Amino acid sequence: MANIYCTATNTGKGFITHAEQENEQPLNAKGFPRNVWIVNDNATGRNWLTKVNGVSKTKAEAQALVDAEITAQQAIWDALPEDSYEKQYPQQRPIAITLP
């Protein structure tokens, strides 16, 4: 099934409802850094995009946003002193994410 790639700000309660996830055409929303979301390209996904004032993106645009955020987080990690508690197990350096 095709996907919709978009950006949308999670507003908390009601952002994704139980009804959207459990209906005949479920939403199946997946969130990524920089408020990037992937939903199925079906009636539920298109309605959800409108409901949350989402902005459609191409897969390449969405991937670029995620890559930029991961790169920024890696730079923050790399700038920490080696003995920083923030670098101690179980914390790990942010890893690249490839959107499906």
N, C-alpha and C. Protein backbone atom coordinates (compact mmCIF):
# COMPACT_ATOMS: atom_id res chain seq x y z
N MET A 1 0.84 -1.18 0.00
CA MET A 1 0.00 0.00 0.00
C MET A 1 0.89 1.24 0.00
N ALA A 2 0.46 2.25 -0.66
CA ALA A 2 1.20 3.51 -0.74
C ALA A 2 1.13 4.25 0.59
N ASN A 3 2.10 5.12 0.80
CA ASN A 3 2.16 5.91 2.03
C ASN A 3 2.02 7.38 1.73
N ILE A 4 1.57 8.12 2.75
CA ILE A 4 1.58 9.57 2.73
C ILE A 4 2.69 9.99 3.69
N TYR A 5 3.61 10.81 3.22
CA TYR A 5 4.66 11.37 4.05
C TYR A 5 4.26 12.81 4.35
N CYS A 6 4.36 13.21 5.62
CA CYS A 6 3.92 14.55 5.98
C CYS A 6 4.61 15.03 7.24
N THR A 7 4.42 16.31 7.52
CA THR A 7 4.82 16.86 8.81
C THR A 7 3.55 17.32 9.51
N ALA A 8 3.50 17.07 10.81
CA ALA A 8 2.36 17.48 11.64
C ALA A 8 2.83 17.53 13.08
N THR A 9 2.38 18.52 13.81
CA THR A 9 2.76 18.67 15.21
C THR A 9 1.80 17.90 16.09
N ASN A 10 2.36 17.01 16.91
CA ASN A 10 1.55 16.21 17.82
C ASN A 10 1.00 17.13 18.90
N THR A 11 -0.31 17.25 18.94
CA THR A 11 -0.98 18.14 19.89
C THR A 11 -1.46 17.40 21.13
N GLY A 12 -1.11 16.13 21.25
CA GLY A 12 -1.51 15.37 22.43
C GLY A 12 -2.83 14.66 22.21
N LYS A 13 -3.67 14.68 23.23
CA LYS A 13 -4.93 13.95 23.19
C LYS A 13 -5.73 14.30 21.95
N GLY A 14 -6.17 13.27 21.24
CA GLY A 14 -6.97 13.46 20.04
C GLY A 14 -6.16 13.56 18.76
N PHE A 15 -4.83 13.62 18.89
CA PHE A 15 -3.99 13.70 17.69
C PHE A 15 -4.20 12.45 16.84
N ILE A 16 -4.16 11.31 17.48
CA ILE A 16 -4.51 10.03 16.85
C ILE A 16 -5.53 9.38 17.76
N THR A 17 -6.69 9.08 17.22
CA THR A 17 -7.74 8.51 18.05
C THR A 17 -7.82 7.00 17.88
N HIS A 18 -8.43 6.38 18.86
CA HIS A 18 -8.66 4.94 18.80
C HIS A 18 -9.52 4.58 17.59
N ALA A 19 -10.51 5.39 17.31
CA ALA A 19 -11.40 5.13 16.17
C ALA A 19 -10.62 5.14 14.86
N GLU A 20 -9.64 6.04 14.73
CA GLU A 20 -8.84 6.10 13.50
C GLU A 20 -7.98 4.85 13.34
N GLN A 21 -7.55 4.30 14.44
CA GLN A 21 -6.68 3.12 14.38
C GLN A 21 -7.45 1.82 14.23
N GLU A 22 -8.70 1.81 14.62
CA GLU A 22 -9.46 0.56 14.66
C GLU A 22 -10.57 0.46 13.62
N ASN A 23 -10.66 1.40 12.69
CA ASN A 23 -11.75 1.32 11.72
C ASN A 23 -11.39 0.40 10.56
N GLU A 24 -12.24 0.35 9.56
CA GLU A 24 -12.06 -0.54 8.42
C GLU A 24 -10.76 -0.28 7.66
N GLN A 25 -10.37 0.98 7.55
CA GLN A 25 -9.11 1.37 6.93
C GLN A 25 -8.26 2.05 8.02
N PRO A 26 -7.49 1.26 8.79
CA PRO A 26 -6.78 1.83 9.94
C PRO A 26 -5.72 2.85 9.53
N LEU A 27 -5.44 3.76 10.47
CA LEU A 27 -4.51 4.85 10.22
C LEU A 27 -3.06 4.37 10.14
N ASN A 28 -2.60 3.53 11.05
CA ASN A 28 -1.22 3.04 11.07
C ASN A 28 -0.20 4.17 10.96
N ALA A 29 -0.28 5.15 11.84
CA ALA A 29 0.63 6.29 11.82
C ALA A 29 1.96 5.91 12.48
N LYS A 30 3.05 6.35 11.86
CA LYS A 30 4.39 6.15 12.41
C LYS A 30 5.07 7.51 12.48
N GLY A 31 5.56 7.87 13.67
CA GLY A 31 6.20 9.16 13.86
C GLY A 31 7.71 9.05 13.84
N PHE A 32 8.35 10.10 13.36
CA PHE A 32 9.81 10.18 13.24
C PHE A 32 10.27 11.55 13.70
N PRO A 33 11.58 11.73 13.88
CA PRO A 33 12.08 13.05 14.28
C PRO A 33 11.64 14.16 13.33
N ARG A 34 11.60 15.38 13.86
CA ARG A 34 11.21 16.59 13.13
C ARG A 34 9.74 16.59 12.74
N ASN A 35 8.92 15.92 13.55
CA ASN A 35 7.47 15.87 13.30
C ASN A 35 7.11 15.29 11.95
N VAL A 36 7.91 14.34 11.48
CA VAL A 36 7.61 13.63 10.23
C VAL A 36 6.73 12.44 10.58
N TRP A 37 5.70 12.26 9.80
CA TRP A 37 4.76 11.15 10.00
C TRP A 37 4.55 10.42 8.69
N ILE A 38 4.32 9.12 8.80
CA ILE A 38 3.96 8.30 7.65
C ILE A 38 2.64 7.61 7.99
N VAL A 39 1.67 7.74 7.10
CA VAL A 39 0.38 7.07 7.26
C VAL A 39 0.03 6.41 5.93
N ASN A 40 -0.85 5.43 6.01
CA ASN A 40 -1.31 4.77 4.79
C ASN A 40 -2.09 5.75 3.93
N ASP A 41 -1.90 5.64 2.62
CA ASP A 41 -2.64 6.50 1.69
C ASP A 41 -4.01 5.87 1.45
N ASN A 42 -4.91 6.14 2.39
CA ASN A 42 -6.30 5.69 2.27
C ASN A 42 -7.18 6.81 2.80
N ALA A 43 -8.47 6.60 2.83
CA ALA A 43 -9.39 7.66 3.27
C ALA A 43 -9.08 8.11 4.69
N THR A 44 -8.78 7.17 5.57
CA THR A 44 -8.48 7.52 6.95
C THR A 44 -7.22 8.36 7.04
N GLY A 45 -6.18 7.99 6.30
CA GLY A 45 -4.93 8.74 6.31
C GLY A 45 -5.11 10.15 5.77
N ARG A 46 -5.85 10.28 4.68
CA ARG A 46 -6.09 11.61 4.10
C ARG A 46 -6.93 12.48 5.03
N ASN A 47 -7.94 11.88 5.67
CA ASN A 47 -8.78 12.63 6.62
C ASN A 47 -7.96 13.07 7.83
N TRP A 48 -7.09 12.18 8.32
CA TRP A 48 -6.24 12.51 9.46
C TRP A 48 -5.31 13.66 9.11
N LEU A 49 -4.72 13.62 7.93
CA LEU A 49 -3.81 14.68 7.49
C LEU A 49 -4.52 16.04 7.52
N THR A 50 -5.74 16.07 7.06
CA THR A 50 -6.53 17.31 7.08
C THR A 50 -6.84 17.72 8.53
N LYS A 51 -7.23 16.75 9.35
CA LYS A 51 -7.61 17.03 10.75
C LYS A 51 -6.47 17.67 11.53
N VAL A 52 -5.24 17.19 11.31
CA VAL A 52 -4.09 17.68 12.10
C VAL A 52 -3.34 18.82 11.40
N ASN A 53 -3.92 19.32 10.31
CA ASN A 53 -3.27 20.39 9.54
C ASN A 53 -1.86 19.98 9.09
N GLY A 54 -1.74 18.73 8.67
CA GLY A 54 -0.46 18.21 8.20
C GLY A 54 -0.10 18.79 6.84
N VAL A 55 1.20 18.76 6.57
CA VAL A 55 1.71 19.25 5.29
C VAL A 55 2.33 18.07 4.56
N SER A 56 1.80 17.73 3.40
CA SER A 56 2.32 16.61 2.62
C SER A 56 3.75 16.89 2.17
N LYS A 57 4.55 15.84 2.17
CA LYS A 57 5.95 15.91 1.73
C LYS A 57 6.21 14.73 0.80
N THR A 58 7.19 14.88 -0.06
CA THR A 58 7.64 13.72 -0.82
C THR A 58 8.47 12.86 0.14
N LYS A 59 8.72 11.65 -0.24
CA LYS A 59 9.54 10.78 0.59
C LYS A 59 10.93 11.40 0.76
N ALA A 60 11.48 11.97 -0.31
CA ALA A 60 12.81 12.58 -0.26
C ALA A 60 12.83 13.78 0.70
N GLU A 61 11.78 14.60 0.66
CA GLU A 61 11.71 15.75 1.56
C GLU A 61 11.61 15.29 3.02
N ALA A 62 10.78 14.29 3.26
CA ALA A 62 10.63 13.76 4.62
C ALA A 62 11.95 13.16 5.11
N GLN A 63 12.63 12.43 4.24
CA GLN A 63 13.91 11.82 4.62
C GLN A 63 14.94 12.91 4.93
N ALA A 64 14.96 13.98 4.16
CA ALA A 64 15.89 15.07 4.40
C ALA A 64 15.65 15.72 5.77
N LEU A 65 14.40 15.88 6.16
CA LEU A 65 14.08 16.44 7.48
C LEU A 65 14.57 15.53 8.60
N VAL A 66 14.32 14.24 8.46
CA VAL A 66 14.76 13.27 9.47
C VAL A 66 16.29 13.25 9.53
N ASP A 67 16.95 13.22 8.37
CA ASP A 67 18.42 13.21 8.33
C ASP A 67 19.00 14.44 9.01
N ALA A 68 18.41 15.60 8.78
CA ALA A 68 18.90 16.84 9.38
C ALA A 68 18.80 16.78 10.91
N GLU A 69 17.71 16.26 11.41
CA GLU A 69 17.54 16.15 12.86
C GLU A 69 18.52 15.16 13.47
N ILE A 70 18.68 14.01 12.82
CA ILE A 70 19.63 13.01 13.33
C ILE A 70 21.05 13.57 13.32
N THR A 71 21.42 14.27 12.25
CA THR A 71 22.75 14.87 12.17
C THR A 71 22.96 15.89 13.29
N ALA A 72 21.95 16.70 13.56
CA ALA A 72 22.04 17.68 14.64
C ALA A 72 22.20 16.99 16.00
N GLN A 73 21.43 15.92 16.22
CA GLN A 73 21.52 15.19 17.48
C GLN A 73 22.88 14.49 17.63
N GLN A 74 23.42 13.99 16.52
CA GLN A 74 24.75 13.36 16.56
C GLN A 74 25.82 14.40 16.91
N ALA A 75 25.70 15.60 16.38
CA ALA A 75 26.67 16.66 16.68
C ALA A 75 26.63 17.02 18.16
N ILE A 76 25.43 17.07 18.72
CA ILE A 76 25.30 17.34 20.16
C ILE A 76 25.97 16.23 20.96
N TRP A 77 25.70 14.99 20.58
CA TRP A 77 26.31 13.84 21.26
C TRP A 77 27.83 13.90 21.17
N ASP A 78 28.34 14.14 19.97
CA ASP A 78 29.79 14.16 19.75
C ASP A 78 30.46 15.27 20.55
N ALA A 79 29.76 16.36 20.81
CA ALA A 79 30.34 17.49 21.55
C ALA A 79 30.39 17.24 23.06
N LEU A 80 29.68 16.24 23.54
CA LEU A 80 29.71 15.93 24.97
C LEU A 80 31.06 15.36 25.37
N PRO A 81 31.52 15.68 26.58
CA PRO A 81 32.77 15.06 27.06
C PRO A 81 32.61 13.55 27.15
N GLU A 82 33.69 12.84 26.93
CA GLU A 82 33.63 11.36 26.95
C GLU A 82 33.14 10.81 28.28
N ASP A 83 33.41 11.52 29.38
CA ASP A 83 33.00 11.02 30.69
C ASP A 83 31.62 11.53 31.11
N SER A 84 30.89 12.14 30.20
CA SER A 84 29.57 12.66 30.50
C SER A 84 28.60 11.53 30.84
N TYR A 85 27.77 11.77 31.86
CA TYR A 85 26.77 10.77 32.22
C TYR A 85 25.80 10.53 31.05
N GLU A 86 25.66 11.52 30.17
CA GLU A 86 24.75 11.37 29.04
C GLU A 86 25.28 10.39 27.99
N LYS A 87 26.55 10.01 28.11
CA LYS A 87 27.13 9.04 27.18
C LYS A 87 27.27 7.66 27.82
N GLN A 88 26.77 7.50 29.01
CA GLN A 88 26.90 6.23 29.70
C GLN A 88 25.74 5.31 29.35
N TYR A 89 26.02 4.03 29.38
CA TYR A 89 25.03 3.02 29.09
C TYR A 89 23.79 3.27 29.92
N PRO A 90 22.61 3.18 29.38
CA PRO A 90 22.21 2.65 28.09
C PRO A 90 22.11 3.70 26.97
N GLN A 91 22.55 4.91 27.23
CA GLN A 91 22.48 5.96 26.20
C GLN A 91 23.39 5.61 25.04
N GLN A 92 22.94 5.92 23.84
CA GLN A 92 23.72 5.63 22.64
C GLN A 92 23.67 6.82 21.70
N ARG A 93 24.68 6.93 20.86
CA ARG A 93 24.72 7.98 19.84
C ARG A 93 23.54 7.76 18.89
N PRO A 94 22.81 8.83 18.55
CA PRO A 94 21.69 8.68 17.60
C PRO A 94 22.15 8.04 16.29
N ILE A 95 21.33 7.14 15.79
CA ILE A 95 21.68 6.44 14.55
C ILE A 95 20.78 6.90 13.41
N ALA A 96 21.26 6.70 12.20
CA ALA A 96 20.50 7.09 11.01
C ALA A 96 19.20 6.30 10.93
N ILE A 97 18.19 6.94 10.40
CA ILE A 97 16.88 6.33 10.18
C ILE A 97 16.56 6.42 8.70
N THR A 98 16.21 5.29 8.10
CA THR A 98 15.78 5.28 6.71
C THR A 98 14.26 5.06 6.69
N LEU A 99 13.56 6.02 6.12
CA LEU A 99 12.10 5.91 6.07
C LEU A 99 11.68 4.77 5.13
N PRO A 100 10.64 4.05 5.53
CA PRO A 100 10.16 2.95 4.67
C PRO A 100 9.46 3.46 3.42
